[in-house]
PDB file of N, CA and C in Angstrom:
ATOM      1  N   UNK A   1      63.797   8.010 -20.414  1.00  0.00           N
ATOM      2  CA  UNK A   1      65.206   7.322 -20.370  1.00  0.00           C
ATOM      3  C   UNK A   1      64.842   5.745 -21.237  1.00  0.00           C
ATOM      4  N   UNK A   2      66.196   5.720 -22.350  1.00  0.00           N
ATOM      5  CA  UNK A   2      65.745   4.426 -22.822  1.00  0.00           C
ATOM      6  C   UNK A   2      65.824   3.210 -21.777  1.00  0.00           C
ATOM      7  N   UNK A   3      66.005   2.008 -22.641  1.00  0.00           N
ATOM      8  CA  UNK A   3      66.115   0.945 -21.512  1.00  0.00           C
ATOM      9  C   UNK A   3      67.602   0.899 -21.548  1.00  0.00           C
ATOM     10  N   UNK A   4      68.323   1.492 -22.587  1.00  0.00           N
ATOM     11  CA  UNK A   4      70.106   1.536 -22.152  1.00  0.00           C
ATOM     12  C   UNK A   4      70.347   2.458 -20.992  1.00  0.00           C
ATOM     13  N   UNK A   5      69.535   3.320 -20.289  1.00  0.00           N
ATOM     14  CA  UNK A   5      69.806   4.399 -19.688  1.00  0.00           C
ATOM     15  C   UNK A   5      70.392   5.599 -19.769  1.00  0.00           C
ATOM     16  N   UNK A   6      70.236   6.038 -21.226  1.00  0.00           N
ATOM     17  CA  UNK A   6      69.685   7.013 -21.873  1.00  0.00           C
ATOM     18  C   UNK A   6      69.427   8.003 -21.658  1.00  0.00           C
ATOM     19  N   UNK A   7      69.560   9.230 -21.011  1.00  0.00           N
ATOM     20  CA  UNK A   7      68.132  10.532 -20.692  1.00  0.00           C
ATOM     21  C   UNK A   7      67.629  11.210 -21.887  1.00  0.00           C
ATOM     22  N   UNK A   8      66.424  10.849 -22.029  1.00  0.00           N
ATOM     23  CA  UNK A   8      65.499  11.418 -23.393  1.00  0.00           C
ATOM     24  C   UNK A   8      65.546  12.994 -23.401  1.00  0.00           C
ATOM     25  N   UNK A   9      64.766  13.006 -22.049  1.00  0.00           N
ATOM     26  CA  UNK A   9      64.581  14.643 -21.833  1.00  0.00           C
ATOM     27  C   UNK A   9      64.049  15.124 -20.795  1.00  0.00           C
ATOM     28  N   UNK A  10      63.916  15.895 -20.375  1.00  0.00           N
ATOM     29  CA  UNK A  10      63.463  16.351 -18.848  1.00  0.00           C
ATOM     30  C   UNK A  10      62.107  17.296 -18.889  1.00  0.00           C
ATOM     31  N   UNK A  11      60.991  17.197 -18.423  1.00  0.00           N
ATOM     32  CA  UNK A  11      60.540  17.702 -18.611  1.00  0.00           C
ATOM     33  C   UNK A  11      59.651  18.231 -17.365  1.00  0.00           C
ATOM     34  N   UNK A  12      59.474  19.746 -17.041  1.00  0.00           N
ATOM     35  CA  UNK A  12      59.139  20.203 -15.600  1.00  0.00           C
ATOM     36  C   UNK A  12      57.999  20.909 -15.802  1.00  0.00           C
ATOM     37  N   UNK A  13      57.216  20.889 -14.655  1.00  0.00           N
ATOM     38  CA  UNK A  13      56.125  22.190 -14.335  1.00  0.00           C
ATOM     39  C   UNK A  13      55.768  22.172 -13.456  1.00  0.00           C
ATOM     40  N   UNK A  14      55.382  23.691 -12.888  1.00  0.00           N
ATOM     41  CA  UNK A  14      55.736  24.132 -11.445  1.00  0.00           C
ATOM     42  C   UNK A  14      53.984  24.199 -11.436  1.00  0.00           C
ATOM     43  N   UNK A  15      53.504  24.251 -10.573  1.00  0.00           N
ATOM     44  CA  UNK A  15      52.257  25.235 -10.306  1.00  0.00           C
ATOM     45  C   UNK A  15      51.865  25.284  -8.936  1.00  0.00           C
ATOM     46  N   UNK A  16      51.238  26.673  -8.774  1.00  0.00           N
ATOM     47  CA  UNK A  16      50.766  27.187  -7.318  1.00  0.00           C
ATOM     48  C   UNK A  16      49.256  26.307  -6.534  1.00  0.00           C
ATOM     49  N   UNK A  17      48.955  26.179  -7.940  1.00  0.00           N
ATOM     50  CA  UNK A  17      47.382  25.321  -7.389  1.00  0.00           C
ATOM     51  C   UNK A  17      46.682  24.834  -8.506  1.00  0.00           C
ATOM     52  N   UNK A  18      45.550  24.682  -8.593  1.00  0.00           N
ATOM     53  CA  UNK A  18      45.105  23.680  -9.822  1.00  0.00           C
ATOM     54  C   UNK A  18      44.203  24.579 -10.203  1.00  0.00           C
ATOM     55  N   UNK A  19      44.281  25.809 -10.277  1.00  0.00           N
ATOM     56  CA  UNK A  19      43.864  26.856 -11.542  1.00  0.00           C
ATOM     57  C   UNK A  19      44.507  26.643 -13.003  1.00  0.00           C
ATOM     58  N   UNK A  20      46.069  25.842 -12.987  1.00  0.00           N
ATOM     59  CA  UNK A  20      46.944  25.877 -14.034  1.00  0.00           C
ATOM     60  C   UNK A  20      46.742  24.347 -14.594  1.00  0.00           C
ATOM     61  N   UNK A  21      45.668  23.690 -13.862  1.00  0.00           N
ATOM     62  CA  UNK A  21      45.296  22.522 -14.383  1.00  0.00           C
ATOM     63  C   UNK A  21      44.223  22.012 -14.282  1.00  0.00           C
ATOM     64  N   UNK A  22      43.992  20.906 -14.642  1.00  0.00           N
ATOM     65  CA  UNK A  22      42.567  20.554 -14.763  1.00  0.00           C
ATOM     66  C   UNK A  22      42.255  19.771 -12.963  1.00  0.00           C
ATOM     67  N   UNK A  23      41.076  19.672 -12.801  1.00  0.00           N
ATOM     68  CA  UNK A  23      40.759  19.248 -10.822  1.00  0.00           C
ATOM     69  C   UNK A  23      39.455  18.287 -10.905  1.00  0.00           C
ATOM     70  N   UNK A  24      39.621  17.339 -10.139  1.00  0.00           N
ATOM     71  CA  UNK A  24      38.684  16.592  -9.642  1.00  0.00           C
ATOM     72  C   UNK A  24      38.445  16.286  -8.261  1.00  0.00           C
ATOM     73  N   UNK A  25      37.749  15.569  -7.610  1.00  0.00           N
ATOM     74  CA  UNK A  25      37.345  15.335  -6.020  1.00  0.00           C
ATOM     75  C   UNK A  25      38.733  15.303  -5.567  1.00  0.00           C
ATOM     76  N   UNK A  26      39.709  14.428  -6.629  1.00  0.00           N
ATOM     77  CA  UNK A  26      40.442  13.979  -5.330  1.00  0.00           C
ATOM     78  C   UNK A  26      41.716  14.855  -5.382  1.00  0.00           C
ATOM     79  N   UNK A  27      41.821  16.142  -6.194  1.00  0.00           N
ATOM     80  CA  UNK A  27      42.720  17.503  -6.101  1.00  0.00           C
ATOM     81  C   UNK A  27      42.856  17.420  -7.643  1.00  0.00           C
ATOM     82  N   UNK A  28      44.416  18.284  -8.329  1.00  0.00           N
ATOM     83  CA  UNK A  28      44.639  18.869  -9.498  1.00  0.00           C
ATOM     84  C   UNK A  28      45.514  17.154 -10.208  1.00  0.00           C
ATOM     85  N   UNK A  29      44.977  17.037 -11.207  1.00  0.00           N
ATOM     86  CA  UNK A  29      45.672  16.157 -12.525  1.00  0.00           C
ATOM     87  C   UNK A  29      46.196  16.993 -13.343  1.00  0.00           C
ATOM     88  N   UNK A  30      47.452  17.277 -13.679  1.00  0.00           N
ATOM     89  CA  UNK A  30      48.634  17.866 -13.809  1.00  0.00           C
ATOM     90  C   UNK A  30      48.635  17.427 -15.198  1.00  0.00           C
ATOM     91  N   UNK A  31      48.702  18.246 -16.424  1.00  0.00           N
ATOM     92  CA  UNK A  31      48.946  17.217 -17.782  1.00  0.00           C
ATOM     93  C   UNK A  31      49.902  18.464 -18.316  1.00  0.00           C
ATOM     94  N   UNK A  32      50.680  17.497 -18.761  1.00  0.00           N
ATOM     95  CA  UNK A  32      52.433  17.899 -19.095  1.00  0.00           C
ATOM     96  C   UNK A  32      52.376  17.326 -20.568  1.00  0.00           C
ATOM     97  N   UNK A  33      52.325  18.461 -21.921  1.00  0.00           N
ATOM     98  CA  UNK A  33      52.543  18.533 -23.080  1.00  0.00           C
ATOM     99  C   UNK A  33      54.223  17.855 -23.602  1.00  0.00           C
ATOM    100  N   UNK A  34      54.242  16.835 -24.610  1.00  0.00           N
ATOM    101  CA  UNK A  34      55.366  16.525 -24.850  1.00  0.00           C
ATOM    102  C   UNK A  34      55.326  16.431 -26.369  1.00  0.00           C
ATOM    103  N   UNK A  35      56.200  16.637 -26.817  1.00  0.00           N
ATOM    104  CA  UNK A  35      56.657  16.706 -28.499  1.00  0.00           C
ATOM    105  C   UNK A  35      56.742  14.986 -29.237  1.00  0.00           C
ATOM    106  N   UNK A  36      57.472  13.991 -27.990  1.00  0.00           N
ATOM    107  CA  UNK A  36      57.905  13.012 -28.527  1.00  0.00           C
ATOM    108  C   UNK A  36      59.224  13.013 -29.169  1.00  0.00           C
ATOM    109  N   UNK A  37      60.002  14.360 -29.159  1.00  0.00           N
ATOM    110  CA  UNK A  37      61.378  14.207 -29.103  1.00  0.00           C
ATOM    111  C   UNK A  37      62.179  14.325 -28.110  1.00  0.00           C
ATOM    112  N   UNK A  38      63.641  14.481 -28.465  1.00  0.00           N
ATOM    113  CA  UNK A  38      64.616  14.081 -27.290  1.00  0.00           C
ATOM    114  C   UNK A  38      64.995  15.686 -27.078  1.00  0.00           C
ATOM    115  N   UNK A  39      66.196  15.381 -26.237  1.00  0.00           N
ATOM    116  CA  UNK A  39      67.010  16.666 -25.549  1.00  0.00           C
ATOM    117  C   UNK A  39      67.675  17.555 -26.804  1.00  0.00           C
ATOM    118  N   UNK A  40      67.725  16.825 -28.438  1.00  0.00           N
ATOM    119  CA  UNK A  40      68.508  17.292 -29.000  1.00  0.00           C
ATOM    120  C   UNK A  40      67.328  17.593 -30.480  1.00  0.00           C
ATOM    121  N   UNK A  41      66.119  17.461 -30.474  1.00  0.00           N
ATOM    122  CA  UNK A  41      65.073  17.649 -30.939  1.00  0.00           C
ATOM    123  C   UNK A  41      64.985  16.610 -32.157  1.00  0.00           C
ATOM    124  N   UNK A  42      65.401  15.408 -31.881  1.00  0.00           N
ATOM    125  CA  UNK A  42      65.053  14.063 -32.640  1.00  0.00           C
ATOM    126  C   UNK A  42      63.841  13.225 -32.211  1.00  0.00           C
ATOM    127  N   UNK A  43      62.915  12.643 -33.155  1.00  0.00           N
ATOM    128  CA  UNK A  43      62.217  11.738 -32.692  1.00  0.00           C
ATOM    129  C   UNK A  43      63.105  10.555 -32.510  1.00  0.00           C
ATOM    130  N   UNK A  44      61.884  10.077 -31.508  1.00  0.00           N
ATOM    131  CA  UNK A  44      62.557   8.995 -30.384  1.00  0.00           C
ATOM    132  C   UNK A  44      62.248   7.373 -31.269  1.00  0.00           C
ATOM    133  N   UNK A  45      62.651   6.906 -31.162  1.00  0.00           N
ATOM    134  CA  UNK A  45      62.596   5.213 -31.975  1.00  0.00           C
ATOM    135  C   UNK A  45      61.565   4.612 -31.042  1.00  0.00           C
ATOM    136  N   UNK A  46      60.839   3.552 -32.017  1.00  0.00           N
ATOM    137  CA  UNK A  46      60.061   2.700 -31.278  1.00  0.00           C
ATOM    138  C   UNK A  46      60.642   2.434 -30.536  1.00  0.00           C
ATOM    139  N   UNK A  47      60.245   1.737 -29.450  1.00  0.00           N
ATOM    140  CA  UNK A  47      60.538   1.122 -28.030  1.00  0.00           C
ATOM    141  C   UNK A  47      60.067   1.144 -27.107  1.00  0.00           C
ATOM    142  N   UNK A  48      60.988   0.486 -25.814  1.00  0.00           N
ATOM    143  CA  UNK A  48      60.365   0.473 -24.615  1.00  0.00           C
ATOM    144  C   UNK A  48      61.388   1.588 -23.975  1.00  0.00           C
ATOM    145  N   UNK A  49      61.061   2.370 -22.956  1.00  0.00           N
ATOM    146  CA  UNK A  49      60.961   3.224 -22.353  1.00  0.00           C
ATOM    147  C   UNK A  49      60.820   3.295 -21.111  1.00  0.00           C
ATOM    148  N   UNK A  50      60.942   4.262 -20.100  1.00  0.00           N
ATOM    149  CA  UNK A  50      61.491   4.509 -18.623  1.00  0.00           C
ATOM    150  C   UNK A  50      61.059   5.925 -18.270  1.00  0.00           C
ATOM    151  N   UNK A  51      60.012   6.422 -17.908  1.00  0.00           N
ATOM    152  CA  UNK A  51      59.581   7.794 -17.461  1.00  0.00           C
ATOM    153  C   UNK A  51      59.488   7.675 -15.764  1.00  0.00           C
ATOM    154  N   UNK A  52      59.920   9.040 -15.144  1.00  0.00           N
ATOM    155  CA  UNK A  52      60.180   9.427 -13.842  1.00  0.00           C
ATOM    156  C   UNK A  52      59.002  10.342 -13.084  1.00  0.00           C
ATOM    157  N   UNK A  53      57.672  10.147 -12.511  1.00  0.00           N
ATOM    158  CA  UNK A  53      57.075  11.370 -11.837  1.00  0.00           C
ATOM    159  C   UNK A  53      57.919  11.694 -10.716  1.00  0.00           C
ATOM    160  N   UNK A  54      58.150  12.947 -10.363  1.00  0.00           N
ATOM    161  CA  UNK A  54      58.870  13.302  -9.107  1.00  0.00           C
ATOM    162  C   UNK A  54      57.303  14.574  -8.844  1.00  0.00           C
ATOM    163  N   UNK A  55      56.776  14.370  -7.443  1.00  0.00           N
ATOM    164  CA  UNK A  55      56.205  15.621  -6.939  1.00  0.00           C
ATOM    165  C   UNK A  55      56.274  15.866  -5.675  1.00  0.00           C
ATOM    166  N   UNK A  56      56.323  17.230  -5.421  1.00  0.00           N
ATOM    167  CA  UNK A  56      56.246  17.665  -3.873  1.00  0.00           C
ATOM    168  C   UNK A  56      55.056  18.133  -3.397  1.00  0.00           C
ATOM    169  N   UNK A  57      54.664  17.636  -2.720  1.00  0.00           N
ATOM    170  CA  UNK A  57      53.135  18.273  -1.847  1.00  0.00           C
ATOM    171  C   UNK A  57      53.320  19.683  -0.759  1.00  0.00           C
ATOM    172  N   UNK A  58      52.477  20.156  -0.959  1.00  0.00           N
ATOM    173  CA  UNK A  58      52.751  21.357  -0.018  1.00  0.00           C
ATOM    174  C   UNK A  58      53.119  21.408   1.388  1.00  0.00           C
ATOM    175  N   UNK A  59      53.003  19.940   1.721  1.00  0.00           N
ATOM    176  CA  UNK A  59      53.301  19.622   3.461  1.00  0.00           C
ATOM    177  C   UNK A  59      54.827  19.232   3.119  1.00  0.00           C
ATOM    178  N   UNK A  60      55.803  19.293   2.203  1.00  0.00           N
ATOM    179  CA  UNK A  60      57.385  19.182   1.814  1.00  0.00           C
ATOM    180  C   UNK A  60      56.877  17.405   1.929  1.00  0.00           C
ATOM    181  N   UNK A  61      56.121  16.610   1.177  1.00  0.00           N
ATOM    182  CA  UNK A  61      55.827  15.499   1.029  1.00  0.00           C
ATOM    183  C   UNK A  61      56.562  15.125  -0.216  1.00  0.00           C
ATOM    184  N   UNK A  62      57.528  14.251  -0.372  1.00  0.00           N
ATOM    185  CA  UNK A  62      57.733  13.824  -2.051  1.00  0.00           C
ATOM    186  C   UNK A  62      57.356  12.403  -2.136  1.00  0.00           C
ATOM    187  N   UNK A  63      56.817  12.390  -3.634  1.00  0.00           N
ATOM    188  CA  UNK A  63      56.044  11.455  -4.617  1.00  0.00           C
ATOM    189  C   UNK A  63      57.050  11.082  -5.616  1.00  0.00           C
ATOM    190  N   UNK A  64      57.601   9.909  -5.807  1.00  0.00           N
ATOM    191  CA  UNK A  64      58.366   9.543  -6.734  1.00  0.00           C
ATOM    192  C   UNK A  64      58.118   8.175  -7.229  1.00  0.00           C
ATOM    193  N   UNK A  65      58.026   8.117  -8.483  1.00  0.00           N
ATOM    194  CA  UNK A  65      58.082   6.570  -8.867  1.00  0.00           C
ATOM    195  C   UNK A  65      58.460   6.600 -10.070  1.00  0.00           C
ATOM    196  N   UNK A  66      58.970   5.164 -10.373  1.00  0.00           N
ATOM    197  CA  UNK A  66      59.408   5.154 -12.153  1.00  0.00           C
ATOM    198  C   UNK A  66      58.291   4.043 -13.124  1.00  0.00           C
ATOM    199  N   UNK A  67      58.208   4.560 -14.151  1.00  0.00           N
ATOM    200  CA  UNK A  67      56.640   3.544 -14.650  1.00  0.00           C
ATOM    201  C   UNK A  67      57.460   3.632 -16.101  1.00  0.00           C
ATOM    202  N   UNK A  68      57.304   2.372 -16.465  1.00  0.00           N
ATOM    203  CA  UNK A  68      57.586   1.598 -18.204  1.00  0.00           C
ATOM    204  C   UNK A  68      56.278   2.163 -19.297  1.00  0.00           C
ATOM    205  N   UNK A  69      57.080   2.464 -20.703  1.00  0.00           N
ATOM    206  CA  UNK A  69      56.331   2.385 -21.289  1.00  0.00           C
ATOM    207  C   UNK A  69      56.710   2.104 -22.967  1.00  0.00           C
ATOM    208  N   UNK A  70      55.961   1.759 -23.851  1.00  0.00           N
ATOM    209  CA  UNK A  70      56.563   1.500 -24.868  1.00  0.00           C
ATOM    210  C   UNK A  70      55.911   2.433 -26.274  1.00  0.00           C
ATOM    211  N   UNK A  71      56.923   2.665 -27.228  1.00  0.00           N
ATOM    212  CA  UNK A  71      56.583   3.729 -28.241  1.00  0.00           C
ATOM    213  C   UNK A  71      56.508   2.719 -29.493  1.00  0.00           C
ATOM    214  N   UNK A  72      55.512   2.906 -30.049  1.00  0.00           N
ATOM    215  CA  UNK A  72      55.125   2.056 -31.351  1.00  0.00           C
ATOM    216  C   UNK A  72      54.469   2.543 -32.435  1.00  0.00           C
ATOM    217  N   UNK A  73      54.905   2.747 -33.302  1.00  0.00           N
ATOM    218  CA  UNK A  73      54.398   4.095 -34.292  1.00  0.00           C
ATOM    219  C   UNK A  73      54.362   2.763 -35.694  1.00  0.00           C
TER     220      UNK A  73
END
């Protein structure tokens, strides 16, 4: 999301186990690639953005957190 609340893009990844990801002693580390473009295929501008991580565990627990990131090119 932009600082103004405009949704840039949604990226989703579903996995069944750690075979589709990197793993370490603490569990799976999921890698999601993104080309830096919005939903219309346009490159995003420099600035501050928010991203939301949402994950569901096999025990039906949900983790959800919002982080801030800056793009400087």
